[in-house]
Amino acid sequence: MPATTTPTRGASQPKTTTDAAATPLPSVPMDVLRPDCPSRVVMQRIGERWSMFVILALAHGPLRFTALKARVGVVTSKVLTETLRALEADGLVSRRAYDESPPRVEYELTPLGVSLLEPMAAMRAWAEAHVPEVLASRERHLDALDAVHG
């Protein structure tokens, strides 16, 4: 379904694009471990390299592209643009273009994107709490490989 645009009402009013229409799902039981399960595309989007960082960066409100890029970190402009477009297409992020000079564009989470924050917070807390263990395990693994391949 095509994106919708609300008309501009003045210099500070935004034009917003989102795709909020729901596509009917096939009558297949959802099981992300089944190769034909439609929920796999959602898991793939969330699991893409920069998606989680963008969603977390937008958790506290809208950001302009440059501020979002700085908040996310080492992502290139090209990759951030691609990620934002994909998240917008999936209805997780909205893009607002203001009719101003110079042009101003902001990105923010949609209600669907906001609904990801709670499960992502649990993943973030787990990652931050267990990073020493993961890094220690990685180091042991590399040491073992070095010992074998000497």
N, C-alpha and C. Protein backbone atom coordinates (compact mmCIF):
# COMPACT_ATOMS: atom_id res chain seq x y z
N MET A 1 0.85 -1.18 0.00
CA MET A 1 0.00 0.00 0.00
C MET A 1 0.89 1.24 0.00
N PRO A 2 0.57 2.24 -0.77
CA PRO A 2 1.43 3.41 -0.87
C PRO A 2 1.45 4.22 0.43
N ALA A 3 2.54 4.95 0.61
CA ALA A 3 2.66 5.81 1.77
C ALA A 3 1.67 6.96 1.65
N THR A 4 1.28 7.50 2.78
CA THR A 4 0.35 8.62 2.77
C THR A 4 1.09 9.89 3.14
N THR A 5 0.60 10.99 2.64
CA THR A 5 1.21 12.28 2.94
C THR A 5 0.12 13.21 3.42
N THR A 6 0.36 13.86 4.55
CA THR A 6 -0.58 14.87 5.01
C THR A 6 -0.17 16.21 4.44
N PRO A 7 -1.13 17.01 4.01
CA PRO A 7 -0.79 18.29 3.39
C PRO A 7 -0.07 19.21 4.36
N THR A 8 0.79 20.03 3.80
CA THR A 8 1.52 21.02 4.59
C THR A 8 0.60 22.19 4.90
N ARG A 9 0.59 22.64 6.17
CA ARG A 9 -0.28 23.73 6.59
C ARG A 9 0.50 25.01 6.85
N GLY A 10 1.77 25.01 6.68
CA GLY A 10 2.57 26.19 6.95
C GLY A 10 4.02 25.81 7.04
N ALA A 11 4.86 26.75 7.29
CA ALA A 11 6.30 26.51 7.28
C ALA A 11 6.74 25.52 8.33
N SER A 12 6.04 25.43 9.46
CA SER A 12 6.51 24.52 10.51
C SER A 12 5.70 23.23 10.58
N GLN A 13 4.73 23.04 9.69
CA GLN A 13 3.93 21.82 9.71
C GLN A 13 4.59 20.75 8.84
N PRO A 14 4.66 19.52 9.34
CA PRO A 14 5.37 18.48 8.61
C PRO A 14 4.51 17.77 7.59
N LYS A 15 5.17 17.16 6.62
CA LYS A 15 4.57 16.16 5.75
C LYS A 15 5.06 14.82 6.28
N THR A 16 4.15 13.92 6.61
CA THR A 16 4.51 12.65 7.22
C THR A 16 4.20 11.51 6.28
N THR A 17 5.13 10.56 6.19
CA THR A 17 4.88 9.37 5.41
C THR A 17 4.97 8.14 6.31
N THR A 18 3.95 7.31 6.25
CA THR A 18 3.95 6.02 6.94
C THR A 18 3.06 5.08 6.17
N ASP A 19 3.23 3.81 6.39
CA ASP A 19 2.38 2.80 5.77
C ASP A 19 1.73 2.02 6.89
N ALA A 20 0.55 2.44 7.30
CA ALA A 20 -0.11 1.84 8.45
C ALA A 20 -1.10 0.75 8.08
N ALA A 21 -1.31 0.51 6.79
CA ALA A 21 -2.29 -0.49 6.37
C ALA A 21 -1.75 -1.90 6.63
N ALA A 22 -2.59 -2.74 7.16
CA ALA A 22 -2.18 -4.11 7.45
C ALA A 22 -2.43 -4.99 6.24
N THR A 23 -1.47 -5.84 5.95
CA THR A 23 -1.60 -6.81 4.87
C THR A 23 -2.11 -8.11 5.48
N PRO A 24 -3.15 -8.70 4.88
CA PRO A 24 -3.65 -9.96 5.44
C PRO A 24 -2.58 -11.05 5.38
N LEU A 25 -2.48 -11.81 6.45
CA LEU A 25 -1.50 -12.89 6.53
C LEU A 25 -2.12 -14.19 6.05
N PRO A 26 -1.32 -15.05 5.46
CA PRO A 26 -1.84 -16.37 5.10
C PRO A 26 -2.23 -17.12 6.37
N SER A 27 -3.13 -18.07 6.20
CA SER A 27 -3.58 -18.83 7.38
C SER A 27 -2.57 -19.93 7.72
N VAL A 28 -1.38 -19.49 8.06
CA VAL A 28 -0.28 -20.38 8.44
C VAL A 28 0.02 -20.11 9.91
N PRO A 29 0.17 -21.16 10.72
CA PRO A 29 0.54 -20.89 12.11
C PRO A 29 1.92 -20.22 12.18
N MET A 30 2.03 -19.18 13.00
CA MET A 30 3.30 -18.46 13.12
C MET A 30 4.30 -19.28 13.91
N ASP A 31 5.44 -19.51 13.32
CA ASP A 31 6.57 -20.20 13.96
C ASP A 31 7.82 -19.71 13.25
N VAL A 32 8.52 -18.79 13.86
CA VAL A 32 9.66 -18.14 13.24
C VAL A 32 10.74 -19.14 12.82
N LEU A 33 10.73 -20.33 13.38
CA LEU A 33 11.73 -21.33 13.00
C LEU A 33 11.35 -22.09 11.73
N ARG A 34 10.13 -21.91 11.25
CA ARG A 34 9.74 -22.53 9.98
C ARG A 34 10.19 -21.63 8.84
N PRO A 35 10.86 -22.19 7.83
CA PRO A 35 11.37 -21.35 6.73
C PRO A 35 10.30 -20.57 5.98
N ASP A 36 9.05 -21.04 5.96
CA ASP A 36 8.01 -20.34 5.21
C ASP A 36 7.17 -19.41 6.09
N CYS A 37 7.57 -19.22 7.33
CA CYS A 37 6.79 -18.37 8.24
C CYS A 37 6.99 -16.89 7.90
N PRO A 38 5.90 -16.15 7.70
CA PRO A 38 6.02 -14.71 7.38
C PRO A 38 6.70 -13.89 8.47
N SER A 39 6.70 -14.38 9.71
CA SER A 39 7.33 -13.61 10.78
C SER A 39 8.84 -13.53 10.62
N ARG A 40 9.41 -14.37 9.78
CA ARG A 40 10.86 -14.32 9.54
C ARG A 40 11.31 -12.98 8.98
N VAL A 41 10.50 -12.37 8.14
CA VAL A 41 10.91 -11.08 7.56
C VAL A 41 11.01 -10.02 8.65
N VAL A 42 10.14 -10.11 9.65
CA VAL A 42 10.20 -9.15 10.77
C VAL A 42 11.46 -9.38 11.58
N MET A 43 11.75 -10.64 11.88
CA MET A 43 12.96 -10.96 12.65
C MET A 43 14.21 -10.54 11.88
N GLN A 44 14.19 -10.73 10.56
CA GLN A 44 15.34 -10.31 9.76
C GLN A 44 15.53 -8.80 9.81
N ARG A 45 14.43 -8.04 9.74
CA ARG A 45 14.53 -6.58 9.78
C ARG A 45 15.09 -6.14 11.13
N ILE A 46 14.54 -6.67 12.21
CA ILE A 46 14.99 -6.27 13.54
C ILE A 46 16.45 -6.67 13.76
N GLY A 47 16.83 -7.81 13.20
CA GLY A 47 18.18 -8.32 13.39
C GLY A 47 19.22 -7.75 12.45
N GLU A 48 18.82 -6.92 11.51
CA GLU A 48 19.80 -6.32 10.62
C GLU A 48 20.78 -5.46 11.42
N ARG A 49 21.95 -5.33 10.90
CA ARG A 49 23.06 -4.74 11.64
C ARG A 49 22.75 -3.42 12.34
N TRP A 50 22.05 -2.49 11.69
CA TRP A 50 21.85 -1.15 12.25
C TRP A 50 20.44 -0.89 12.76
N SER A 51 19.50 -1.76 12.47
CA SER A 51 18.10 -1.51 12.83
C SER A 51 17.90 -1.28 14.32
N MET A 52 18.44 -2.15 15.16
CA MET A 52 18.25 -2.00 16.60
C MET A 52 18.85 -0.70 17.12
N PHE A 53 20.01 -0.32 16.60
CA PHE A 53 20.65 0.91 17.04
C PHE A 53 19.82 2.14 16.66
N VAL A 54 19.25 2.11 15.46
CA VAL A 54 18.41 3.23 15.03
C VAL A 54 17.16 3.31 15.89
N ILE A 55 16.53 2.18 16.14
CA ILE A 55 15.32 2.17 16.97
C ILE A 55 15.63 2.66 18.38
N LEU A 56 16.72 2.19 18.96
CA LEU A 56 17.10 2.64 20.30
C LEU A 56 17.45 4.13 20.31
N ALA A 57 18.09 4.61 19.26
CA ALA A 57 18.46 6.03 19.19
C ALA A 57 17.23 6.92 19.12
N LEU A 58 16.15 6.41 18.53
CA LEU A 58 14.91 7.19 18.40
C LEU A 58 13.96 7.00 19.59
N ALA A 59 14.38 6.26 20.58
CA ALA A 59 13.50 5.93 21.71
C ALA A 59 13.01 7.16 22.47
N HIS A 60 13.78 8.22 22.50
CA HIS A 60 13.41 9.40 23.30
C HIS A 60 12.81 10.53 22.48
N GLY A 61 12.51 10.24 21.21
CA GLY A 61 11.85 11.26 20.39
C GLY A 61 12.50 11.42 19.04
N PRO A 62 11.91 12.30 18.23
CA PRO A 62 12.39 12.48 16.86
C PRO A 62 13.79 13.07 16.81
N LEU A 63 14.52 12.69 15.75
CA LEU A 63 15.86 13.22 15.51
C LEU A 63 16.01 13.54 14.04
N ARG A 64 16.79 14.57 13.77
CA ARG A 64 17.19 14.85 12.39
C ARG A 64 18.28 13.86 12.01
N PHE A 65 18.51 13.73 10.70
CA PHE A 65 19.43 12.72 10.19
C PHE A 65 20.82 12.84 10.83
N THR A 66 21.37 14.04 10.87
CA THR A 66 22.72 14.23 11.40
C THR A 66 22.81 13.86 12.88
N ALA A 67 21.80 14.25 13.64
CA ALA A 67 21.78 13.90 15.06
C ALA A 67 21.62 12.39 15.25
N LEU A 68 20.80 11.77 14.42
CA LEU A 68 20.61 10.33 14.49
C LEU A 68 21.90 9.61 14.14
N LYS A 69 22.59 10.07 13.11
CA LYS A 69 23.86 9.47 12.70
C LYS A 69 24.88 9.58 13.82
N ALA A 70 24.95 10.73 14.46
CA ALA A 70 25.88 10.92 15.58
C ALA A 70 25.52 10.02 16.75
N ARG A 71 24.24 9.86 17.02
CA ARG A 71 23.78 9.03 18.15
C ARG A 71 24.08 7.55 17.91
N VAL A 72 23.88 7.09 16.66
CA VAL A 72 24.13 5.68 16.33
C VAL A 72 25.62 5.38 16.31
N GLY A 73 26.41 6.30 15.81
CA GLY A 73 27.85 6.07 15.82
C GLY A 73 28.44 5.89 14.44
N VAL A 74 29.18 4.84 14.25
CA VAL A 74 30.05 4.67 13.09
C VAL A 74 29.35 4.30 11.78
N VAL A 75 28.06 4.34 11.71
CA VAL A 75 27.32 4.00 10.50
C VAL A 75 27.56 5.06 9.42
N THR A 76 27.67 4.61 8.17
CA THR A 76 27.83 5.56 7.06
C THR A 76 26.47 6.19 6.73
N SER A 77 26.51 7.32 6.08
CA SER A 77 25.27 8.00 5.68
C SER A 77 24.45 7.12 4.75
N LYS A 78 25.11 6.45 3.83
CA LYS A 78 24.42 5.59 2.87
C LYS A 78 23.69 4.45 3.58
N VAL A 79 24.37 3.80 4.50
CA VAL A 79 23.77 2.67 5.22
C VAL A 79 22.66 3.15 6.14
N LEU A 80 22.84 4.28 6.79
CA LEU A 80 21.79 4.82 7.64
C LEU A 80 20.55 5.16 6.81
N THR A 81 20.75 5.76 5.65
CA THR A 81 19.63 6.07 4.76
C THR A 81 18.89 4.80 4.36
N GLU A 82 19.62 3.76 3.97
CA GLU A 82 19.00 2.48 3.59
C GLU A 82 18.24 1.88 4.76
N THR A 83 18.81 1.93 5.95
CA THR A 83 18.16 1.38 7.14
C THR A 83 16.89 2.15 7.46
N LEU A 84 16.95 3.48 7.41
CA LEU A 84 15.76 4.29 7.67
C LEU A 84 14.66 4.02 6.66
N ARG A 85 15.01 3.88 5.41
CA ARG A 85 14.01 3.58 4.38
C ARG A 85 13.35 2.23 4.63
N ALA A 86 14.13 1.24 5.00
CA ALA A 86 13.58 -0.09 5.27
C ALA A 86 12.69 -0.07 6.50
N LEU A 87 13.11 0.62 7.56
CA LEU A 87 12.30 0.72 8.78
C LEU A 87 11.02 1.51 8.51
N GLU A 88 11.10 2.51 7.65
CA GLU A 88 9.91 3.28 7.28
C GLU A 88 8.95 2.40 6.47
N ALA A 89 9.49 1.63 5.54
CA ALA A 89 8.66 0.74 4.73
C ALA A 89 7.94 -0.29 5.58
N ASP A 90 8.58 -0.72 6.66
CA ASP A 90 7.98 -1.71 7.55
C ASP A 90 7.08 -1.09 8.61
N GLY A 91 6.94 0.22 8.60
CA GLY A 91 6.04 0.90 9.52
C GLY A 91 6.60 1.10 10.92
N LEU A 92 7.92 1.00 11.08
CA LEU A 92 8.53 1.15 12.40
C LEU A 92 9.02 2.57 12.65
N VAL A 93 9.32 3.30 11.59
CA VAL A 93 9.83 4.67 11.68
C VAL A 93 9.03 5.54 10.71
N SER A 94 8.77 6.77 11.11
CA SER A 94 8.15 7.73 10.19
C SER A 94 9.15 8.83 9.87
N ARG A 95 8.99 9.39 8.71
CA ARG A 95 9.86 10.47 8.22
C ARG A 95 8.98 11.69 8.03
N ARG A 96 9.40 12.81 8.62
CA ARG A 96 8.67 14.07 8.47
C ARG A 96 9.55 15.08 7.76
N ALA A 97 9.06 15.55 6.64
CA ALA A 97 9.75 16.58 5.89
C ALA A 97 9.01 17.89 6.10
N TYR A 98 9.69 18.88 6.66
CA TYR A 98 9.09 20.17 6.92
C TYR A 98 9.29 21.08 5.72
N ASP A 99 8.27 21.86 5.40
CA ASP A 99 8.32 22.79 4.27
C ASP A 99 9.00 24.07 4.75
N GLU A 100 10.31 24.00 4.86
CA GLU A 100 11.11 25.12 5.33
C GLU A 100 12.32 25.28 4.42
N SER A 101 12.98 26.40 4.55
CA SER A 101 14.22 26.62 3.84
C SER A 101 15.28 27.02 4.86
N PRO A 102 16.35 26.25 5.00
CA PRO A 102 16.65 25.02 4.29
C PRO A 102 15.72 23.88 4.73
N PRO A 103 15.61 22.84 3.90
CA PRO A 103 14.72 21.72 4.22
C PRO A 103 15.11 21.06 5.55
N ARG A 104 14.10 20.59 6.26
CA ARG A 104 14.33 19.90 7.53
C ARG A 104 13.55 18.60 7.51
N VAL A 105 14.22 17.50 7.88
CA VAL A 105 13.60 16.19 7.93
C VAL A 105 13.89 15.59 9.30
N GLU A 106 12.85 15.02 9.91
CA GLU A 106 13.01 14.33 11.20
C GLU A 106 12.49 12.90 11.07
N TYR A 107 13.09 12.05 11.85
CA TYR A 107 12.66 10.64 11.92
C TYR A 107 12.21 10.36 13.34
N GLU A 108 11.14 9.56 13.46
CA GLU A 108 10.71 9.15 14.79
C GLU A 108 10.04 7.78 14.71
N LEU A 109 9.97 7.13 15.86
CA LEU A 109 9.32 5.83 15.92
C LEU A 109 7.82 5.98 15.76
N THR A 110 7.22 5.06 15.06
CA THR A 110 5.77 4.97 14.99
C THR A 110 5.30 4.21 16.23
N PRO A 111 4.01 4.14 16.49
CA PRO A 111 3.54 3.31 17.60
C PRO A 111 4.03 1.85 17.48
N LEU A 112 4.09 1.33 16.27
CA LEU A 112 4.61 -0.02 16.07
C LEU A 112 6.08 -0.10 16.47
N GLY A 113 6.85 0.91 16.08
CA GLY A 113 8.27 0.97 16.47
C GLY A 113 8.44 1.09 17.98
N VAL A 114 7.60 1.91 18.61
CA VAL A 114 7.64 2.07 20.07
C VAL A 114 7.37 0.73 20.75
N SER A 115 6.50 -0.08 20.16
CA SER A 115 6.18 -1.38 20.78
C SER A 115 7.37 -2.31 20.81
N LEU A 116 8.41 -2.03 20.05
CA LEU A 116 9.64 -2.84 20.07
C LEU A 116 10.56 -2.46 21.22
N LEU A 117 10.37 -1.29 21.81
CA LEU A 117 11.32 -0.81 22.81
C LEU A 117 11.42 -1.71 24.04
N GLU A 118 10.30 -2.25 24.51
CA GLU A 118 10.36 -3.10 25.70
C GLU A 118 11.16 -4.39 25.45
N PRO A 119 10.84 -5.16 24.39
CA PRO A 119 11.68 -6.35 24.17
C PRO A 119 13.13 -6.00 23.85
N MET A 120 13.36 -4.87 23.18
CA MET A 120 14.74 -4.48 22.89
C MET A 120 15.47 -4.05 24.15
N ALA A 121 14.75 -3.47 25.10
CA ALA A 121 15.38 -3.08 26.37
C ALA A 121 15.87 -4.32 27.11
N ALA A 122 15.10 -5.40 27.04
CA ALA A 122 15.53 -6.65 27.68
C ALA A 122 16.79 -7.20 27.00
N MET A 123 16.83 -7.15 25.68
CA MET A 123 18.02 -7.61 24.95
C MET A 123 19.22 -6.72 25.26
N ARG A 124 18.99 -5.42 25.32
CA ARG A 124 20.08 -4.50 25.62
C ARG A 124 20.63 -4.74 27.02
N ALA A 125 19.73 -4.90 27.99
CA ALA A 125 20.16 -5.15 29.37
C ALA A 125 20.97 -6.45 29.46
N TRP A 126 20.50 -7.48 28.75
CA TRP A 126 21.22 -8.76 28.76
C TRP A 126 22.61 -8.57 28.16
N ALA A 127 22.69 -7.90 27.00
CA ALA A 127 23.98 -7.70 26.33
C ALA A 127 24.94 -6.90 27.21
N GLU A 128 24.44 -5.83 27.82
CA GLU A 128 25.30 -5.00 28.65
C GLU A 128 25.75 -5.72 29.91
N ALA A 129 24.89 -6.60 30.45
CA ALA A 129 25.24 -7.34 31.67
C ALA A 129 26.21 -8.48 31.39
N HIS A 130 26.15 -9.06 30.20
CA HIS A 130 26.94 -10.26 29.91
C HIS A 130 28.11 -10.05 28.98
N VAL A 131 28.40 -8.81 28.60
CA VAL A 131 29.50 -8.56 27.69
C VAL A 131 30.83 -9.09 28.23
N PRO A 132 31.15 -9.00 29.53
CA PRO A 132 32.44 -9.55 30.00
C PRO A 132 32.53 -11.06 29.76
N GLU A 133 31.43 -11.77 30.00
CA GLU A 133 31.43 -13.22 29.79
C GLU A 133 31.60 -13.57 28.31
N VAL A 134 30.90 -12.85 27.46
CA VAL A 134 30.99 -13.11 26.03
C VAL A 134 32.40 -12.82 25.52
N LEU A 135 32.97 -11.71 25.94
CA LEU A 135 34.33 -11.36 25.50
C LEU A 135 35.36 -12.36 26.03
N ALA A 136 35.18 -12.82 27.27
CA ALA A 136 36.10 -13.82 27.83
C ALA A 136 35.99 -15.14 27.05
N SER A 137 34.78 -15.52 26.71
CA SER A 137 34.60 -16.74 25.93
C SER A 137 35.23 -16.60 24.55
N ARG A 138 35.05 -15.46 23.94
CA ARG A 138 35.65 -15.22 22.63
C ARG A 138 37.17 -15.31 22.70
N GLU A 139 37.74 -14.73 23.74
CA GLU A 139 39.19 -14.77 23.93
C GLU A 139 39.68 -16.22 24.11
N ARG A 140 38.95 -17.01 24.92
CA ARG A 140 39.32 -18.43 25.10
C ARG A 140 39.24 -19.17 23.77
N HIS A 141 38.23 -18.89 23.00
CA HIS A 141 38.06 -19.54 21.70
C HIS A 141 39.23 -19.20 20.76
N LEU A 142 39.59 -17.91 20.71
CA LEU A 142 40.71 -17.50 19.86
C LEU A 142 42.02 -18.11 20.34
N ASP A 143 42.21 -18.19 21.66
CA ASP A 143 43.41 -18.83 22.21
C ASP A 143 43.48 -20.29 21.80
N ALA A 144 42.33 -20.98 21.86
CA ALA A 144 42.27 -22.39 21.48
C ALA A 144 42.59 -22.56 19.99
N LEU A 145 42.07 -21.67 19.15
CA LEU A 145 42.37 -21.73 17.73
C LEU A 145 43.85 -21.48 17.47
N ASP A 146 44.43 -20.53 18.18
CA ASP A 146 45.86 -20.25 18.04
C ASP A 146 46.69 -21.45 18.45
N ALA A 147 46.29 -22.15 19.51
CA ALA A 147 47.02 -23.32 19.99
C ALA A 147 46.97 -24.45 18.95
N VAL A 148 45.83 -24.60 18.28
CA VAL A 148 45.67 -25.66 17.29
C VAL A 148 46.41 -25.32 16.00
N HIS A 149 46.29 -24.08 15.57
CA HIS A 149 46.86 -23.67 14.28
C HIS A 149 48.22 -23.00 14.42
N GLY A 150 48.68 -22.86 15.64
CA GLY A 150 49.93 -22.35 16.07
C GLY A 150 50.69 -21.44 15.31
